Amino acid sequence: MKFTKPKQFTKLEHKEIYWNANYCLECDCKLEIKVREFSLNVIGLPLCRKCQNWLNGLDGTTTDNALTLYFALKARKVKAELEKFDGFKKIDIAIPSVKINIEVDGKHHNTNTKQAFSDLQRTYHSFLKGYFTLRIPNSLLYDDEMTEKTADYITDMIKKKSK
């Protein structure tokens, strides 16, 4: 699958945290200037070649909103994993070090009874493994300010849980 820059990335492109980064947002390796510039112009995020290929290789089920939150967390140095399989299901964003799963949900997760019950079952299975599931509605990720606030709150939760 060819990666298409989510519209949310376009809104985040002006952020100094991305434009001034000399490291890969995904793996933390140092970026060559040309690789950084290409990545920022094409993807909207500072990624090394390997991580650009990883992003291009995603299977297409990752939503733009999940990617936006994931990279907002990575910019805050959160050790998050995207689309982690836990043996029962794929987690949108997992933070194994503090046993937090993050699911980024559209409105159908609240309006469709079957989907809502499926979500409850998924939360239950994670709970049995000691994980807390945090459900983030898409509406918190539609604009830059709310995305940043959401990522800040989640980062604060992680720091407090780590203590």
N, C-alpha and C. Protein backbone atom coordinates (compact mmCIF):
# COMPACT_ATOMS: atom_id res chain seq x y z
N MET A 1 0.84 -1.18 0.00
CA MET A 1 0.00 0.00 0.00
C MET A 1 0.88 1.24 0.00
N LYS A 2 0.59 2.18 -0.82
CA LYS A 2 1.33 3.44 -0.87
C LYS A 2 0.76 4.37 0.19
N PHE A 3 1.62 4.89 1.01
CA PHE A 3 1.19 5.79 2.08
C PHE A 3 0.70 7.11 1.50
N THR A 4 -0.46 7.53 1.94
CA THR A 4 -0.99 8.85 1.60
C THR A 4 -1.01 9.67 2.86
N LYS A 5 -0.46 10.85 2.78
CA LYS A 5 -0.37 11.70 3.97
C LYS A 5 -1.78 12.04 4.48
N PRO A 6 -2.09 11.65 5.73
CA PRO A 6 -3.39 12.03 6.29
C PRO A 6 -3.52 13.54 6.37
N LYS A 7 -4.75 14.02 6.22
CA LYS A 7 -4.96 15.48 6.27
C LYS A 7 -4.51 16.05 7.61
N GLN A 8 -4.56 15.24 8.68
CA GLN A 8 -4.12 15.73 9.98
C GLN A 8 -2.62 16.03 9.96
N PHE A 9 -1.83 15.26 9.21
CA PHE A 9 -0.40 15.52 9.15
C PHE A 9 -0.15 16.88 8.51
N THR A 10 -0.94 17.21 7.50
CA THR A 10 -0.79 18.49 6.84
C THR A 10 -0.99 19.62 7.85
N LYS A 11 -1.95 19.44 8.75
CA LYS A 11 -2.20 20.47 9.77
C LYS A 11 -1.05 20.55 10.77
N LEU A 12 -0.35 19.44 10.98
CA LEU A 12 0.73 19.42 11.96
C LEU A 12 2.08 19.84 11.36
N GLU A 13 2.14 19.95 10.03
CA GLU A 13 3.41 20.22 9.38
C GLU A 13 4.11 21.48 9.87
N HIS A 14 3.36 22.46 10.30
CA HIS A 14 3.97 23.72 10.74
C HIS A 14 4.61 23.59 12.12
N LYS A 15 4.36 22.50 12.79
CA LYS A 15 4.85 22.33 14.16
C LYS A 15 6.38 22.26 14.17
N GLU A 16 6.98 23.08 14.98
CA GLU A 16 8.44 23.09 15.10
C GLU A 16 8.97 21.75 15.57
N ILE A 17 8.17 21.05 16.38
CA ILE A 17 8.62 19.77 16.91
C ILE A 17 8.95 18.80 15.78
N TYR A 18 8.25 18.92 14.65
CA TYR A 18 8.52 18.04 13.50
C TYR A 18 9.58 18.64 12.59
N TRP A 19 9.46 19.93 12.28
CA TRP A 19 10.35 20.54 11.32
C TRP A 19 11.77 20.68 11.83
N ASN A 20 11.94 20.81 13.11
CA ASN A 20 13.28 20.96 13.67
C ASN A 20 13.89 19.65 14.14
N ALA A 21 13.17 18.57 13.98
CA ALA A 21 13.66 17.27 14.45
C ALA A 21 14.78 16.76 13.55
N ASN A 22 15.86 16.36 14.16
CA ASN A 22 16.98 15.77 13.43
C ASN A 22 17.03 14.26 13.66
N TYR A 23 15.96 13.73 14.19
CA TYR A 23 15.88 12.30 14.49
C TYR A 23 14.59 11.75 13.91
N CYS A 24 14.58 10.46 13.68
CA CYS A 24 13.39 9.78 13.17
C CYS A 24 12.36 9.69 14.29
N LEU A 25 11.16 10.09 14.00
CA LEU A 25 10.09 10.09 15.00
C LEU A 25 9.73 8.66 15.43
N GLU A 26 9.96 7.70 14.56
CA GLU A 26 9.61 6.31 14.86
C GLU A 26 10.72 5.58 15.61
N CYS A 27 11.95 5.60 15.08
CA CYS A 27 13.01 4.77 15.67
C CYS A 27 14.10 5.56 16.38
N ASP A 28 14.04 6.88 16.32
CA ASP A 28 14.97 7.76 17.03
C ASP A 28 16.36 7.83 16.42
N CYS A 29 16.57 7.27 15.22
CA CYS A 29 17.90 7.36 14.62
C CYS A 29 18.12 8.77 14.06
N LYS A 30 19.39 9.15 13.93
CA LYS A 30 19.71 10.48 13.38
C LYS A 30 19.38 10.49 11.89
N LEU A 31 18.80 11.60 11.45
CA LEU A 31 18.39 11.73 10.05
C LEU A 31 19.40 12.53 9.24
N GLU A 32 19.68 12.03 8.04
CA GLU A 32 20.45 12.81 7.08
C GLU A 32 19.55 13.96 6.62
N ILE A 33 20.13 15.08 6.29
CA ILE A 33 19.34 16.27 5.92
C ILE A 33 18.41 15.98 4.74
N LYS A 34 18.91 15.33 3.69
CA LYS A 34 18.08 15.08 2.50
C LYS A 34 16.93 14.11 2.82
N VAL A 35 17.20 13.12 3.65
CA VAL A 35 16.15 12.16 4.03
C VAL A 35 15.09 12.87 4.85
N ARG A 36 15.53 13.70 5.77
CA ARG A 36 14.61 14.47 6.62
C ARG A 36 13.73 15.38 5.77
N GLU A 37 14.34 16.12 4.86
CA GLU A 37 13.58 17.05 4.01
C GLU A 37 12.58 16.30 3.14
N PHE A 38 13.00 15.18 2.55
CA PHE A 38 12.09 14.39 1.72
C PHE A 38 10.92 13.90 2.56
N SER A 39 11.21 13.35 3.71
CA SER A 39 10.16 12.81 4.57
C SER A 39 9.18 13.89 5.01
N LEU A 40 9.69 15.04 5.39
CA LEU A 40 8.81 16.13 5.81
C LEU A 40 7.93 16.61 4.65
N ASN A 41 8.50 16.69 3.45
CA ASN A 41 7.75 17.17 2.30
C ASN A 41 6.73 16.15 1.78
N VAL A 42 7.08 14.88 1.81
CA VAL A 42 6.21 13.85 1.24
C VAL A 42 5.25 13.29 2.28
N ILE A 43 5.73 13.04 3.48
CA ILE A 43 4.92 12.39 4.51
C ILE A 43 4.39 13.39 5.53
N GLY A 44 5.18 14.41 5.80
CA GLY A 44 4.77 15.41 6.78
C GLY A 44 5.35 15.16 8.15
N LEU A 45 6.21 14.15 8.24
CA LEU A 45 6.84 13.79 9.51
C LEU A 45 8.30 13.45 9.27
N PRO A 46 9.17 13.66 10.26
CA PRO A 46 10.57 13.28 10.09
C PRO A 46 10.76 11.78 10.34
N LEU A 47 10.97 11.03 9.26
CA LEU A 47 11.17 9.58 9.36
C LEU A 47 12.38 9.18 8.53
N CYS A 48 13.12 8.19 9.01
CA CYS A 48 14.25 7.64 8.24
C CYS A 48 13.68 6.80 7.08
N ARG A 49 14.55 6.39 6.17
CA ARG A 49 14.10 5.58 5.03
C ARG A 49 13.42 4.29 5.48
N LYS A 50 14.03 3.62 6.45
CA LYS A 50 13.47 2.36 6.93
C LYS A 50 12.05 2.57 7.47
N CYS A 51 11.85 3.62 8.23
CA CYS A 51 10.53 3.88 8.81
C CYS A 51 9.54 4.42 7.78
N GLN A 52 10.05 5.11 6.76
CA GLN A 52 9.16 5.50 5.65
C GLN A 52 8.63 4.25 4.96
N ASN A 53 9.51 3.27 4.75
CA ASN A 53 9.10 2.01 4.13
C ASN A 53 8.12 1.25 5.02
N TRP A 54 8.38 1.26 6.33
CA TRP A 54 7.46 0.62 7.28
C TRP A 54 6.07 1.24 7.17
N LEU A 55 6.03 2.57 7.15
CA LEU A 55 4.75 3.28 7.06
C LEU A 55 4.05 2.96 5.74
N ASN A 56 4.80 2.92 4.65
CA ASN A 56 4.23 2.57 3.35
C ASN A 56 3.72 1.14 3.33
N GLY A 57 4.30 0.28 4.17
CA GLY A 57 3.94 -1.13 4.18
C GLY A 57 2.77 -1.49 5.08
N LEU A 58 2.21 -0.52 5.80
CA LEU A 58 1.06 -0.82 6.65
C LEU A 58 -0.07 -1.37 5.79
N ASP A 59 -0.87 -2.23 6.36
CA ASP A 59 -1.87 -2.96 5.57
C ASP A 59 -3.11 -2.17 5.17
N GLY A 60 -3.18 -0.90 5.53
CA GLY A 60 -4.30 -0.08 5.11
C GLY A 60 -5.46 -0.03 6.09
N THR A 61 -5.36 -0.75 7.20
CA THR A 61 -6.45 -0.73 8.18
C THR A 61 -6.24 0.33 9.26
N THR A 62 -5.04 0.89 9.32
CA THR A 62 -4.77 1.92 10.32
C THR A 62 -5.43 3.22 9.89
N THR A 63 -6.23 3.81 10.77
CA THR A 63 -6.93 5.04 10.40
C THR A 63 -6.00 6.25 10.49
N ASP A 64 -6.36 7.28 9.75
CA ASP A 64 -5.59 8.53 9.80
C ASP A 64 -5.54 9.08 11.23
N ASN A 65 -6.66 8.98 11.95
CA ASN A 65 -6.71 9.50 13.32
C ASN A 65 -5.79 8.71 14.24
N ALA A 66 -5.73 7.40 14.08
CA ALA A 66 -4.82 6.59 14.90
C ALA A 66 -3.37 6.95 14.60
N LEU A 67 -3.05 7.14 13.32
CA LEU A 67 -1.69 7.55 12.95
C LEU A 67 -1.34 8.92 13.52
N THR A 68 -2.28 9.83 13.46
CA THR A 68 -2.04 11.18 13.98
C THR A 68 -1.74 11.14 15.47
N LEU A 69 -2.56 10.41 16.23
CA LEU A 69 -2.32 10.32 17.67
C LEU A 69 -1.03 9.57 17.96
N TYR A 70 -0.78 8.50 17.24
CA TYR A 70 0.44 7.71 17.42
C TYR A 70 1.68 8.60 17.28
N PHE A 71 1.75 9.38 16.20
CA PHE A 71 2.93 10.20 15.98
C PHE A 71 2.98 11.40 16.94
N ALA A 72 1.83 11.88 17.38
CA ALA A 72 1.83 12.93 18.41
C ALA A 72 2.42 12.38 19.71
N LEU A 73 2.12 11.13 20.02
CA LEU A 73 2.70 10.49 21.21
C LEU A 73 4.19 10.23 21.02
N LYS A 74 4.56 9.76 19.83
CA LYS A 74 5.98 9.50 19.55
C LYS A 74 6.80 10.79 19.66
N ALA A 75 6.22 11.92 19.23
CA ALA A 75 6.91 13.21 19.34
C ALA A 75 7.16 13.57 20.79
N ARG A 76 6.37 12.99 21.69
CA ARG A 76 6.53 13.23 23.14
C ARG A 76 7.37 12.12 23.78
N LYS A 77 8.03 11.33 22.95
CA LYS A 77 8.92 10.25 23.39
C LYS A 77 8.19 9.11 24.10
N VAL A 78 6.91 8.94 23.81
CA VAL A 78 6.16 7.80 24.36
C VAL A 78 6.54 6.55 23.56
N LYS A 79 6.87 5.48 24.27
CA LYS A 79 7.27 4.23 23.62
C LYS A 79 6.01 3.44 23.24
N ALA A 80 5.36 3.94 22.20
CA ALA A 80 4.11 3.36 21.72
C ALA A 80 4.37 2.40 20.56
N GLU A 81 3.44 1.48 20.39
CA GLU A 81 3.50 0.54 19.27
C GLU A 81 2.18 0.64 18.51
N LEU A 82 2.28 0.69 17.20
CA LEU A 82 1.11 0.83 16.35
C LEU A 82 0.62 -0.54 15.89
N GLU A 83 -0.70 -0.74 15.95
CA GLU A 83 -1.33 -1.97 15.46
C GLU A 83 -0.69 -3.22 16.06
N LYS A 84 -0.55 -3.24 17.36
CA LYS A 84 0.05 -4.38 18.06
C LYS A 84 -0.99 -5.49 18.24
N PHE A 85 -0.63 -6.69 17.86
CA PHE A 85 -1.51 -7.84 18.04
C PHE A 85 -1.26 -8.41 19.43
N ASP A 86 -2.32 -8.56 20.21
CA ASP A 86 -2.18 -9.04 21.58
C ASP A 86 -2.58 -10.51 21.75
N GLY A 87 -2.77 -11.23 20.65
CA GLY A 87 -3.18 -12.63 20.72
C GLY A 87 -4.67 -12.81 20.53
N PHE A 88 -5.42 -11.71 20.66
CA PHE A 88 -6.88 -11.76 20.49
C PHE A 88 -7.31 -10.78 19.40
N LYS A 89 -6.64 -9.62 19.33
CA LYS A 89 -7.03 -8.56 18.42
C LYS A 89 -5.85 -7.62 18.20
N LYS A 90 -6.02 -6.74 17.22
CA LYS A 90 -5.04 -5.68 17.00
C LYS A 90 -5.45 -4.48 17.83
N ILE A 91 -4.49 -3.90 18.51
CA ILE A 91 -4.68 -2.69 19.30
C ILE A 91 -4.23 -1.52 18.43
N ASP A 92 -5.02 -0.45 18.36
CA ASP A 92 -4.61 0.70 17.55
C ASP A 92 -3.24 1.20 18.00
N ILE A 93 -3.12 1.51 19.28
CA ILE A 93 -1.85 1.99 19.85
C ILE A 93 -1.66 1.30 21.20
N ALA A 94 -0.55 0.62 21.36
CA ALA A 94 -0.26 -0.04 22.64
C ALA A 94 0.96 0.60 23.28
N ILE A 95 0.89 0.69 24.60
CA ILE A 95 2.03 1.17 25.37
C ILE A 95 2.31 0.09 26.42
N PRO A 96 3.01 -0.97 26.00
CA PRO A 96 3.20 -2.14 26.87
C PRO A 96 3.90 -1.84 28.19
N SER A 97 4.80 -0.86 28.22
CA SER A 97 5.56 -0.60 29.45
C SER A 97 4.66 -0.21 30.62
N VAL A 98 3.50 0.39 30.33
CA VAL A 98 2.57 0.79 31.39
C VAL A 98 1.22 0.08 31.25
N LYS A 99 1.18 -0.90 30.35
CA LYS A 99 -0.03 -1.71 30.12
C LYS A 99 -1.26 -0.86 29.81
N ILE A 100 -1.08 0.02 28.83
CA ILE A 100 -2.19 0.84 28.35
C ILE A 100 -2.40 0.55 26.86
N ASN A 101 -3.63 0.27 26.51
CA ASN A 101 -4.04 0.13 25.11
C ASN A 101 -4.89 1.34 24.76
N ILE A 102 -4.66 1.88 23.58
CA ILE A 102 -5.45 3.02 23.12
C ILE A 102 -6.19 2.61 21.86
N GLU A 103 -7.50 2.76 21.88
CA GLU A 103 -8.33 2.51 20.71
C GLU A 103 -8.89 3.85 20.26
N VAL A 104 -8.70 4.17 19.00
CA VAL A 104 -9.22 5.41 18.43
C VAL A 104 -10.51 5.05 17.71
N ASP A 105 -11.61 5.58 18.23
CA ASP A 105 -12.94 5.13 17.80
C ASP A 105 -13.73 6.18 17.04
N GLY A 106 -14.36 5.73 15.96
CA GLY A 106 -15.33 6.55 15.24
C GLY A 106 -16.68 6.47 15.95
N LYS A 107 -17.64 7.25 15.47
CA LYS A 107 -18.92 7.30 16.17
C LYS A 107 -19.69 5.99 16.11
N HIS A 108 -19.40 5.15 15.12
CA HIS A 108 -20.11 3.86 15.05
C HIS A 108 -19.82 2.97 16.26
N HIS A 109 -18.76 3.26 16.96
CA HIS A 109 -18.45 2.49 18.18
C HIS A 109 -19.46 2.79 19.28
N ASN A 110 -20.16 3.90 19.17
CA ASN A 110 -21.18 4.27 20.15
C ASN A 110 -22.60 4.04 19.65
N THR A 111 -22.79 4.07 18.35
CA THR A 111 -24.15 3.98 17.81
C THR A 111 -24.53 2.59 17.34
N ASN A 112 -23.57 1.73 17.12
CA ASN A 112 -23.85 0.37 16.66
C ASN A 112 -23.71 -0.59 17.84
N THR A 113 -24.79 -1.22 18.22
CA THR A 113 -24.81 -2.09 19.40
C THR A 113 -23.82 -3.24 19.28
N LYS A 114 -23.75 -3.87 18.12
CA LYS A 114 -22.82 -5.00 17.93
C LYS A 114 -21.37 -4.54 18.08
N GLN A 115 -21.07 -3.39 17.50
CA GLN A 115 -19.70 -2.85 17.61
C GLN A 115 -19.38 -2.50 19.05
N ALA A 116 -20.33 -1.86 19.73
CA ALA A 116 -20.11 -1.46 21.13
C ALA A 116 -19.87 -2.69 22.01
N PHE A 117 -20.64 -3.76 21.78
CA PHE A 117 -20.45 -4.97 22.58
C PHE A 117 -19.13 -5.65 22.24
N SER A 118 -18.76 -5.64 20.98
CA SER A 118 -17.46 -6.18 20.57
C SER A 118 -16.33 -5.42 21.25
N ASP A 119 -16.47 -4.10 21.33
CA ASP A 119 -15.47 -3.28 22.02
C ASP A 119 -15.39 -3.65 23.50
N LEU A 120 -16.54 -3.88 24.12
CA LEU A 120 -16.56 -4.28 25.53
C LEU A 120 -15.83 -5.61 25.71
N GLN A 121 -16.06 -6.55 24.80
CA GLN A 121 -15.37 -7.84 24.89
C GLN A 121 -13.86 -7.66 24.72
N ARG A 122 -13.46 -6.83 23.80
CA ARG A 122 -12.03 -6.57 23.58
C ARG A 122 -11.41 -5.95 24.83
N THR A 123 -12.12 -5.00 25.43
CA THR A 123 -11.66 -4.36 26.66
C THR A 123 -11.53 -5.38 27.78
N TYR A 124 -12.48 -6.28 27.87
CA TYR A 124 -12.48 -7.34 28.87
C TYR A 124 -11.24 -8.22 28.74
N HIS A 125 -10.94 -8.66 27.52
CA HIS A 125 -9.78 -9.53 27.30
C HIS A 125 -8.47 -8.81 27.64
N SER A 126 -8.40 -7.54 27.33
CA SER A 126 -7.22 -6.75 27.70
C SER A 126 -7.13 -6.61 29.22
N PHE A 127 -8.26 -6.36 29.85
CA PHE A 127 -8.33 -6.22 31.31
C PHE A 127 -7.82 -7.47 32.01
N LEU A 128 -8.20 -8.64 31.48
CA LEU A 128 -7.75 -9.89 32.08
C LEU A 128 -6.23 -10.04 32.02
N LYS A 129 -5.61 -9.38 31.06
CA LYS A 129 -4.15 -9.41 30.93
C LYS A 129 -3.50 -8.25 31.68
N GLY A 130 -4.30 -7.46 32.40
CA GLY A 130 -3.75 -6.36 33.20
C GLY A 130 -3.63 -5.04 32.46
N TYR A 131 -4.26 -4.94 31.29
CA TYR A 131 -4.18 -3.72 30.50
C TYR A 131 -5.40 -2.84 30.70
N PHE A 132 -5.16 -1.53 30.75
CA PHE A 132 -6.22 -0.54 30.78
C PHE A 132 -6.45 -0.08 29.34
N THR A 133 -7.70 -0.08 28.89
CA THR A 133 -8.01 0.36 27.54
C THR A 133 -8.57 1.77 27.59
N LEU A 134 -7.92 2.65 26.87
CA LEU A 134 -8.34 4.04 26.78
C LEU A 134 -8.97 4.23 25.40
N ARG A 135 -10.22 4.66 25.37
CA ARG A 135 -10.94 4.88 24.11
C ARG A 135 -10.96 6.37 23.80
N ILE A 136 -10.38 6.71 22.67
CA ILE A 136 -10.29 8.10 22.25
C ILE A 136 -11.22 8.30 21.05
N PRO A 137 -12.22 9.16 21.19
CA PRO A 137 -13.10 9.41 20.03
C PRO A 137 -12.38 10.21 18.96
N ASN A 138 -12.70 9.90 17.72
CA ASN A 138 -12.10 10.63 16.59
C ASN A 138 -12.24 12.13 16.73
N SER A 139 -13.33 12.57 17.33
CA SER A 139 -13.59 14.01 17.43
C SER A 139 -12.48 14.76 18.18
N LEU A 140 -11.72 14.08 19.01
CA LEU A 140 -10.61 14.73 19.71
C LEU A 140 -9.39 14.92 18.81
N LEU A 141 -9.43 14.33 17.61
CA LEU A 141 -8.26 14.35 16.74
C LEU A 141 -8.51 15.10 15.43
N TYR A 142 -9.62 15.81 15.37
CA TYR A 142 -9.96 16.51 14.14
C TYR A 142 -9.22 17.83 13.97
N ASP A 143 -8.80 18.44 15.05
CA ASP A 143 -8.05 19.69 14.90
C ASP A 143 -6.76 19.64 15.71
N ASP A 144 -5.83 20.47 15.28
CA ASP A 144 -4.48 20.49 15.83
C ASP A 144 -4.46 20.71 17.34
N GLU A 145 -5.20 21.68 17.81
CA GLU A 145 -5.19 22.02 19.23
C GLU A 145 -5.68 20.85 20.09
N MET A 146 -6.77 20.24 19.69
CA MET A 146 -7.30 19.12 20.48
C MET A 146 -6.40 17.89 20.38
N THR A 147 -5.80 17.67 19.24
CA THR A 147 -4.84 16.56 19.10
C THR A 147 -3.70 16.73 20.09
N GLU A 148 -3.16 17.94 20.14
CA GLU A 148 -2.05 18.23 21.05
C GLU A 148 -2.47 18.07 22.51
N LYS A 149 -3.64 18.58 22.85
CA LYS A 149 -4.13 18.44 24.23
C LYS A 149 -4.35 16.97 24.58
N THR A 150 -4.93 16.23 23.65
CA THR A 150 -5.18 14.80 23.89
C THR A 150 -3.86 14.06 24.12
N ALA A 151 -2.88 14.32 23.26
CA ALA A 151 -1.57 13.67 23.41
C ALA A 151 -0.91 14.08 24.72
N ASP A 152 -1.07 15.32 25.12
CA ASP A 152 -0.50 15.78 26.40
C ASP A 152 -1.13 15.05 27.58
N TYR A 153 -2.45 14.92 27.57
CA TYR A 153 -3.13 14.22 28.67
C TYR A 153 -2.72 12.75 28.74
N ILE A 154 -2.65 12.11 27.59
CA ILE A 154 -2.24 10.70 27.57
C ILE A 154 -0.81 10.56 28.08
N THR A 155 0.07 11.45 27.64
CA THR A 155 1.46 11.43 28.09
C THR A 155 1.54 11.62 29.60
N ASP A 156 0.74 12.53 30.13
CA ASP A 156 0.71 12.76 31.57
C ASP A 156 0.21 11.51 32.31
N MET A 157 -0.80 10.85 31.77
CA MET A 157 -1.30 9.61 32.37
C MET A 157 -0.19 8.56 32.45
N ILE A 158 0.55 8.44 31.35
CA ILE A 158 1.63 7.45 31.27
C ILE A 158 2.70 7.76 32.32
N LYS A 159 3.08 9.03 32.43
CA LYS A 159 4.10 9.42 33.41
C LYS A 159 3.63 9.12 34.83
N LYS A 160 2.36 9.43 35.12
CA LYS A 160 1.84 9.18 36.46
C LYS A 160 1.74 7.67 36.76
N LYS A 161 1.41 6.89 35.75
CA LYS A 161 1.31 5.44 35.95
C LYS A 161 2.69 4.82 36.11
N SER A 162 3.70 5.44 35.50
CA SER A 162 5.07 4.91 35.56
C SER A 162 5.70 5.09 36.95
N LYS A 163 5.17 6.03 37.74
CA LYS A 163 5.76 6.33 39.05
C LYS A 163 5.48 5.24 40.06
